[in-house]
Protein backbone atom coordinates (compact mmCIF):
# COMPACT_ATOMS: atom_id res chain seq x y z
CA UNK A 1 16.26 -19.68 66.72
CA UNK A 2 18.19 -16.62 67.82
CA UNK A 3 16.82 -13.33 66.60
CA UNK A 4 20.24 -11.70 66.65
CA UNK A 5 22.89 -12.78 64.15
CA UNK A 6 26.03 -12.90 66.28
CA UNK A 7 27.88 -14.52 63.38
CA UNK A 8 27.75 -11.21 61.52
CA UNK A 9 31.20 -9.64 61.16
CA UNK A 10 31.19 -5.91 61.84
CA UNK A 11 34.23 -4.12 60.43
CA UNK A 12 35.66 -2.11 63.33
CA UNK A 13 38.91 -0.97 61.75
CA UNK A 14 39.02 2.80 61.24
CA UNK A 15 35.99 3.27 63.51
CA UNK A 16 37.90 4.88 66.38
CA UNK A 17 37.99 1.60 68.29
CA UNK A 18 40.59 1.20 71.04
CA UNK A 19 40.69 -2.55 70.48
CA UNK A 20 41.23 -2.33 66.72
CA UNK A 21 42.71 1.13 66.07
CA UNK A 22 44.48 2.05 69.30
CA UNK A 23 47.06 -0.73 69.53
CA UNK A 24 50.15 1.30 68.62
CA UNK A 25 48.98 4.32 70.61
CA UNK A 26 48.19 2.33 73.76
CA UNK A 27 50.74 -0.50 73.60
CA UNK A 28 53.45 0.76 71.25
CA UNK A 29 53.04 -2.34 69.05
CA UNK A 30 53.57 -1.52 65.38
CA UNK A 31 52.92 -4.99 64.00
CA UNK A 32 50.39 -4.91 61.16
CA UNK A 33 47.44 -7.26 60.48
CA UNK A 34 47.00 -8.20 64.11
CA UNK A 35 43.79 -9.87 65.22
CA UNK A 36 43.01 -8.03 68.48
CA UNK A 37 41.45 -10.18 71.19
CA UNK A 38 42.60 -8.12 74.16
CA UNK A 39 40.39 -5.15 75.19
CA UNK A 40 37.22 -6.21 77.02
CA UNK A 41 34.50 -5.01 74.69
CA UNK A 42 32.38 -6.92 72.17
CA UNK A 43 32.71 -7.18 68.42
CA UNK A 44 28.92 -7.57 68.25
CA UNK A 45 26.57 -4.72 67.48
CA UNK A 46 25.02 -3.08 70.51
CA UNK A 47 21.39 -4.33 70.90
CA UNK A 48 18.98 -2.96 68.31
CA UNK A 49 16.65 -1.66 71.03
CA UNK A 50 19.50 0.44 72.41
CA UNK A 51 20.51 1.75 69.00
CA UNK A 52 16.90 2.67 68.30
CA UNK A 53 16.65 4.64 71.55
CA UNK A 54 19.84 6.53 70.70
CA UNK A 55 18.53 7.20 67.19
CA UNK A 56 15.32 8.64 68.62
CA UNK A 57 17.34 10.92 70.86
CA UNK A 58 19.44 12.06 67.89
CA UNK A 59 16.32 12.64 65.78
CA UNK A 60 15.05 14.91 68.51
CA UNK A 61 18.01 17.02 67.51
CA UNK A 62 19.05 18.65 70.78
CA UNK A 63 21.96 17.11 72.69
CA UNK A 64 22.07 19.36 75.72
CA UNK A 65 22.94 18.55 79.31
CA UNK A 66 21.37 15.47 80.84
CA UNK A 67 18.92 15.94 83.70
CA UNK A 68 15.90 14.33 85.37
CA UNK A 69 17.29 10.84 85.88
CA UNK A 70 14.22 9.28 87.53
CA UNK A 71 13.33 6.92 84.69
CA UNK A 72 16.97 5.84 84.36
CA UNK A 73 17.23 5.17 88.09
CA UNK A 74 13.97 3.23 88.01
CA UNK A 75 15.21 1.10 85.11
CA UNK A 76 18.33 0.14 87.08
CA UNK A 77 16.35 -0.62 90.23
CA UNK A 78 13.81 -2.71 88.31
CA UNK A 79 16.65 -4.62 86.65
CA UNK A 80 18.20 -5.43 90.02
CA UNK A 81 14.88 -6.58 91.42
CA UNK A 82 13.89 -8.73 88.45
CA UNK A 83 17.31 -10.22 87.71
CA UNK A 84 18.80 -10.60 91.19
CA UNK A 85 15.81 -10.34 93.55
CA UNK A 86 17.57 -7.43 95.19
CA UNK A 87 15.73 -4.22 96.09
CA UNK A 88 18.20 -1.43 96.84
CA UNK A 89 16.85 1.97 97.77
CA UNK A 90 16.77 4.68 95.13
CA UNK A 91 18.62 7.18 97.30
CA UNK A 92 21.61 4.80 97.52
CA UNK A 93 22.30 5.34 93.81
CA UNK A 94 24.91 7.71 92.47
CA UNK A 95 25.38 8.00 88.71
CA UNK A 96 28.87 8.05 87.24
CA UNK A 97 31.04 7.69 84.18
CA UNK A 98 33.36 4.79 83.47
CA UNK A 99 33.95 2.50 86.42
CA UNK A 100 37.71 3.05 86.52
CA UNK A 101 37.13 6.74 87.30
CA UNK A 102 34.51 5.75 89.88
CA UNK A 103 36.88 3.29 91.57
CA UNK A 104 39.73 5.78 91.77
CA UNK A 105 37.39 8.32 93.35
CA UNK A 106 36.15 5.75 95.87
CA UNK A 107 39.75 4.92 96.81
CA UNK A 108 40.53 8.62 97.35
CA UNK A 109 37.41 9.28 99.43
CA UNK A 110 37.52 6.27 101.74
CA UNK A 111 41.25 5.90 102.36
CA UNK A 112 44.30 8.07 102.89
CA UNK A 113 47.73 8.07 101.26
CA UNK A 114 49.74 5.22 102.71
CA UNK A 115 46.66 3.15 103.60
CA UNK A 116 46.50 -0.50 102.62
CA UNK A 117 44.05 -1.80 100.00
CA UNK A 118 43.41 -5.51 99.52
CA UNK A 119 43.02 -7.23 96.15
CA UNK A 120 42.79 -10.86 94.97
CA UNK A 121 45.21 -11.44 92.09
CA UNK A 122 45.42 -12.43 89.38
CA UNK A 123 42.92 -9.60 88.94
CA UNK A 124 41.98 -6.75 86.62
CA UNK A 125 45.18 -4.75 86.28
CA UNK A 126 43.58 -1.36 86.91
CA UNK A 127 42.93 -2.33 90.52
CA UNK A 128 46.64 -2.38 91.29
CA UNK A 129 47.36 0.66 89.13
CA UNK A 130 44.67 2.79 90.80
CA UNK A 131 45.86 1.88 94.29
CA UNK A 132 49.48 2.71 93.52
CA UNK A 133 48.75 5.89 91.53
CA UNK A 134 46.76 7.18 94.51
CA UNK A 135 49.74 6.48 96.81
CA UNK A 136 48.10 3.60 98.68
CA UNK A 137 49.76 0.27 99.45
CA UNK A 138 48.70 -2.89 97.63
CA UNK A 139 48.02 -5.92 99.85
CA UNK A 140 47.40 -9.26 98.12
CA UNK A 141 45.26 -12.28 98.92
CA UNK A 142 46.21 -14.41 95.89
CA UNK A 143 43.55 -16.76 94.59
CA UNK A 144 44.47 -20.43 94.78
CA UNK A 145 44.29 -22.47 91.58
CA UNK A 146 42.95 -26.01 92.07
CA UNK A 147 41.89 -28.76 89.68
CA UNK A 148 38.33 -27.42 90.05
CA UNK A 149 39.22 -23.80 89.36
CA UNK A 150 40.13 -20.88 91.61
CA UNK A 151 39.36 -20.63 95.30
CA UNK A 152 39.89 -18.07 98.06
CA UNK A 153 42.50 -18.76 100.72
CA UNK A 154 40.46 -17.58 103.69
CA UNK A 155 43.22 -18.15 106.22
CA UNK A 156 45.42 -15.74 104.27
CA UNK A 157 42.43 -13.44 103.65
CA UNK A 158 41.86 -12.94 107.37
CA UNK A 159 45.57 -12.61 108.03
CA UNK A 160 45.80 -9.78 105.48
CA UNK A 161 42.77 -8.01 106.95
CA UNK A 162 44.58 -7.99 110.30
CA UNK A 163 47.34 -5.86 108.73
CA UNK A 164 45.23 -2.70 109.14
CA UNK A 165 43.73 -2.83 105.66
CA UNK A 166 41.32 0.04 104.92
CA UNK A 167 39.63 -1.13 101.73
CA UNK A 168 38.98 -4.40 99.90
CA UNK A 169 38.39 -4.26 96.13
CA UNK A 170 36.18 -7.24 95.33
CA UNK A 171 35.92 -8.31 91.69
CA UNK A 172 32.59 -10.13 91.37
CA UNK A 173 32.36 -11.99 89.04
CA UNK A 174 36.12 -12.19 88.86
CA UNK A 175 38.13 -10.85 85.93
CA UNK A 176 40.08 -12.69 84.54
CA UNK A 177 39.48 -16.11 86.14
CA UNK A 178 35.71 -16.05 85.55
CA UNK A 179 34.58 -17.13 89.03
CA UNK A 180 31.06 -16.37 90.22
CA UNK A 181 31.40 -16.24 94.00
CA UNK A 182 28.97 -18.36 95.99
CA UNK A 183 26.76 -17.05 98.79
CA UNK A 184 29.02 -18.78 101.32
CA UNK A 185 32.16 -17.17 99.89
CA UNK A 186 30.61 -13.70 99.76
CA UNK A 187 29.17 -14.04 103.26
CA UNK A 188 32.53 -15.10 104.67
CA UNK A 189 34.44 -12.30 102.94
CA UNK A 190 31.87 -9.72 104.01
CA UNK A 191 31.73 -10.92 107.61
CA UNK A 192 35.50 -10.91 107.98
CA UNK A 193 35.72 -7.42 106.48
CA UNK A 194 33.03 -6.22 108.89
CA UNK A 195 34.88 -7.82 111.80
CA UNK A 196 38.06 -5.91 110.96
CA UNK A 197 36.25 -2.69 109.92
CA UNK A 198 37.28 -2.95 106.26
CA UNK A 199 35.14 -1.25 103.61
CA UNK A 200 34.26 -3.53 100.69
CA UNK A 201 34.03 -1.97 97.22
CA UNK A 202 32.45 -4.54 94.90
CA UNK A 203 33.05 -4.13 91.17
CA UNK A 204 30.20 -6.12 89.60
CA UNK A 205 30.44 -4.94 86.00
CA UNK A 206 30.55 -8.51 84.61
CA UNK A 207 27.55 -9.71 86.66
CA UNK A 208 24.96 -9.60 83.87
CA UNK A 209 27.11 -12.02 81.82
CA UNK A 210 26.78 -14.86 84.36
CA UNK A 211 26.16 -18.21 82.66
CA UNK A 212 22.75 -19.85 83.01
CA UNK A 213 23.91 -22.65 85.34
CA UNK A 214 25.31 -20.13 87.85
CA UNK A 215 23.77 -17.40 89.97
CA UNK A 216 25.36 -14.04 90.68
CA UNK A 217 24.52 -12.57 94.08
CA UNK A 218 25.07 -8.82 94.56
CA UNK A 219 27.39 -8.27 97.51
CA UNK A 220 24.95 -5.91 99.23
CA UNK A 221 22.18 -8.52 98.92
CA UNK A 222 24.07 -11.17 100.90
CA UNK A 223 23.48 -9.70 104.35
CA UNK A 224 21.74 -6.50 105.37
CA UNK A 225 24.64 -5.87 107.76
CA UNK A 226 26.94 -5.41 104.74
CA UNK A 227 25.13 -2.17 103.95
CA UNK A 228 27.24 -0.69 106.75
CA UNK A 229 30.58 -1.67 105.19
CA UNK A 230 29.81 -2.16 101.52
CA UNK A 231 29.59 -0.26 98.23
CA UNK A 232 28.50 -1.81 94.93
CA UNK A 233 29.51 -0.57 91.47
CA UNK A 234 27.81 -1.70 88.29
CA UNK A 235 27.32 -0.63 84.68
CA UNK A 236 25.81 -1.89 81.41
CA UNK A 237 29.20 -1.54 79.66
CA UNK A 238 30.18 -5.19 79.40
CA UNK A 239 26.80 -6.86 79.06
CA UNK A 240 25.35 -4.55 76.40
CA UNK A 241 28.56 -3.32 74.75
CA UNK A 242 28.17 0.31 75.86
CA UNK A 243 31.68 1.04 77.14
CA UNK A 244 32.11 4.05 74.88
CA UNK A 245 29.12 5.82 76.46
CA UNK A 246 30.55 5.70 80.00
CA UNK A 247 27.53 5.39 82.27
CA UNK A 248 27.54 3.57 85.59
CA UNK A 249 25.70 3.26 88.89
CA UNK A 250 27.24 3.11 92.35
CA UNK A 251 25.17 2.00 95.34
CA UNK A 252 26.28 3.59 98.62
CA UNK A 253 23.83 2.67 101.42
CA UNK A 254 25.49 4.83 104.10
CA UNK A 255 24.19 8.40 103.85
CA UNK A 256 27.36 9.75 105.46
CA UNK A 257 29.60 7.93 102.98
CA UNK A 258 27.37 8.91 100.07
CA UNK A 259 27.58 12.58 101.04
CA UNK A 260 31.39 12.40 101.16
CA UNK A 261 31.47 10.73 97.75
CA UNK A 262 29.14 13.20 96.00
CA UNK A 263 31.15 16.12 97.37
CA UNK A 264 34.30 14.56 95.90
CA UNK A 265 32.48 14.24 92.56
CA UNK A 266 31.81 17.95 92.58
CA UNK A 267 35.45 18.66 93.43
CA UNK A 268 36.34 16.58 90.37
CA UNK A 269 34.07 18.77 88.27
CA UNK A 270 31.66 15.89 87.57
CA UNK A 271 27.96 16.53 88.23
CA UNK A 272 25.98 14.98 85.38
CA UNK A 273 26.13 11.84 83.25
CA UNK A 274 26.43 11.43 79.49
CA UNK A 275 23.04 12.14 77.88
CA UNK A 276 23.32 9.30 75.36
CA UNK A 277 24.74 7.05 78.06
CA UNK A 278 21.61 7.54 80.17
CA UNK A 279 19.42 6.92 77.12
CA UNK A 280 21.29 3.76 76.17
CA UNK A 281 21.43 2.34 79.69
CA UNK A 282 17.72 2.81 80.26
CA UNK A 283 16.90 1.13 76.95
CA UNK A 284 19.23 -1.77 77.74
CA UNK A 285 17.74 -2.36 81.18
CA UNK A 286 14.15 -1.96 79.95
CA UNK A 287 14.27 -3.81 76.65
CA UNK A 288 17.60 -5.64 76.37
CA UNK A 289 16.91 -8.74 78.43
CA UNK A 290 16.17 -11.07 75.54
CA UNK A 291 19.25 -9.94 73.63
CA UNK A 292 21.35 -10.50 76.73
CA UNK A 293 20.09 -14.08 77.10
CA UNK A 294 21.04 -14.73 73.49
CA UNK A 295 24.52 -13.21 73.70
CA UNK A 296 25.36 -15.03 76.94
CA UNK A 297 24.37 -18.32 75.31
CA UNK A 298 26.53 -17.53 72.27
CA UNK A 299 29.50 -16.54 74.43
CA UNK A 300 29.21 -19.69 76.52
CA UNK A 301 29.36 -21.74 73.31
CA UNK A 302 32.47 -19.78 72.30
CA UNK A 303 34.09 -20.84 75.58
CA UNK A 304 33.17 -24.45 74.82
CA UNK A 305 34.61 -24.19 71.31
CA UNK A 306 37.93 -22.82 72.60
CA UNK A 307 38.20 -25.48 75.29
CA UNK A 308 37.48 -28.35 72.92
CA UNK A 309 39.79 -27.19 70.16
CA UNK A 310 42.75 -26.65 72.48
CA UNK A 311 42.05 -29.99 74.15
CA UNK A 312 42.30 -31.69 70.77
CA UNK A 313 45.06 -29.70 69.08
CA UNK A 314 47.19 -28.25 71.91
CA UNK A 315 46.68 -30.28 75.12
CA UNK A 316 49.45 -28.49 77.08
CA UNK A 317 47.30 -25.35 77.07
CA UNK A 318 44.49 -25.36 79.61
CA UNK A 319 41.46 -23.05 79.60
CA UNK A 320 40.11 -22.20 83.05
CA UNK A 321 36.44 -23.14 83.38
CA UNK A 322 34.59 -19.82 83.29
CA UNK A 323 31.30 -19.19 85.08
CA UNK A 324 30.64 -15.73 83.67
CA UNK A 325 31.88 -13.27 81.07
CA UNK A 326 33.54 -13.43 77.71
CA UNK A 327 37.16 -13.49 78.88
CA UNK A 328 39.01 -16.82 78.64
CA UNK A 329 41.94 -17.39 81.01
CA UNK A 330 44.44 -19.67 79.26
CA UNK A 331 47.19 -21.45 81.20
CA UNK A 332 50.24 -21.76 78.93
CA UNK A 333 52.76 -22.76 81.60
CA UNK A 334 53.10 -26.32 80.29
CA UNK A 335 53.83 -25.14 76.75
CA UNK A 336 57.57 -25.18 77.40
CA UNK A 337 57.96 -21.45 76.67
CA UNK A 338 58.44 -18.41 78.88
CA UNK A 339 55.57 -15.92 78.95
CA UNK A 340 57.46 -13.15 77.16
CA UNK A 341 58.62 -15.56 74.45
CA UNK A 342 55.03 -16.65 73.94
CA UNK A 343 53.76 -13.08 73.85
CA UNK A 344 56.24 -12.21 71.11
CA UNK A 345 55.35 -15.38 69.18
CA UNK A 346 51.63 -14.59 69.34
CA UNK A 347 52.30 -11.11 67.94
CA UNK A 348 55.06 -11.86 65.43
CA UNK A 349 54.16 -15.34 64.19
CA UNK A 350 50.48 -15.65 64.97
CA UNK A 351 49.55 -12.02 64.33
CA UNK A 352 47.38 -12.32 67.42
CA UNK A 353 47.07 -9.85 70.27
CA UNK A 354 46.03 -11.24 73.66
CA UNK A 355 46.31 -9.78 77.16
CA UNK A 356 49.50 -11.02 78.82
CA UNK A 357 48.74 -12.52 82.22
CA UNK A 358 51.61 -10.63 83.83
CA UNK A 359 49.39 -7.54 83.70
CA UNK A 360 47.03 -9.18 86.19
CA UNK A 361 49.70 -9.49 88.88
CA UNK A 362 50.63 -12.41 91.10
CA UNK A 363 49.54 -15.72 89.60
CA UNK A 364 49.26 -14.30 86.09
CA UNK A 365 52.71 -15.32 84.82
CA UNK A 366 52.36 -17.85 82.00
CA UNK A 367 48.66 -17.10 81.43
CA UNK A 368 46.98 -15.14 78.65
CA UNK A 369 43.50 -13.63 78.53
CA UNK A 370 41.51 -14.00 75.32
CA UNK A 371 38.36 -12.01 74.51
CA UNK A 372 35.66 -14.36 73.13
CA UNK A 373 32.96 -11.73 72.49
CA UNK A 374 33.25 -12.12 68.75
CA UNK A 375 31.66 -14.07 65.87
CA UNK A 376 32.50 -17.77 65.86
CA UNK A 377 34.46 -17.43 62.62
CA UNK A 378 36.67 -14.76 64.22
CA UNK A 379 37.26 -17.01 67.20
CA UNK A 380 38.13 -19.89 64.88
CA UNK A 381 40.69 -17.69 63.16
CA UNK A 382 42.01 -16.50 66.52
CA UNK A 383 42.57 -20.05 67.73
CA UNK A 384 44.26 -20.95 64.45
CA UNK A 385 46.62 -18.01 64.88
CA UNK A 386 47.31 -19.03 68.46
CA UNK A 387 48.22 -22.55 67.35
CA UNK A 388 50.31 -21.23 64.45
CA UNK A 389 52.41 -19.31 66.98
CA UNK A 390 53.85 -22.63 68.16
CA UNK A 391 54.96 -23.78 64.68
């Protein structure tokens, strides 16, 4: 029996939630009574062990500047060793806020305006936005959809690297298609990037949500040689539902690169993490393992529920087989409707808000991303609303 009741419905309206309260502000959508299944955070309570640690910090009564991060660093390092059999060095670590701000800083530090940055669409929309907003050029190596899921076109990958690419943003596991890259895939990508002197920045924020029949391998753990041309970014945001506390860890093995990055942090005016973020992250890494096992199992069953119900009631829609994470990638191209028509139908008729696949770039047209990190009854209602959109 699970100790955590993930079937519990937590009312998030009027709680300052982006997913539930920020729809009109962020998207300009004024439709009422929408069921939001778009933003990538959970509708489950953050683990009790984390909430207890935060409560203890609040009871202490003083919320001053954070400092002395040794126990936090050790908790991250121990987590990496126990979960992934990877032993990075402590001095590689640099604390940070939300990963989007970290990624934009990494792009600024390790490339110049006009440089080319490689991505693998359909991919997390912020990748493209950050590259363009920093006046770099987007280069694409589109993932190839097969009957067995998504694969990398390595012939095209190498061809793109030959176009004087400076950086490669690797999404591992991949958002939104849910792939957990194999050792062979990671080794080939890393070796080719090393061959062409391309720096790999691996965003591994969804790694802790890998399903039990798959194994996530940190990019820097694949080959010691990748320490020379690799950076790894991670955070407890997705796995433990801590996005609002904005705490992350970036591993930069190269001392020279790390020095350049920390100097850029200071130029940005950032020199210390969120006090409660540090508290929460340490508690999650130290005492959240059991909760994480339970939530991953629940989420995997949510994926299975969605797949089976659409298979029975709406066969033209196909759910990509996910290997990690709580984001379902739904192929609606055989529905007979254009993507924008479907998006309007979901909102107007179904009262359902999903992430339109067009926001993920090439290969996203006709797809929609659905957040499954919710109680089963909410998912059941969400699927019913999706189906009602076709009436």
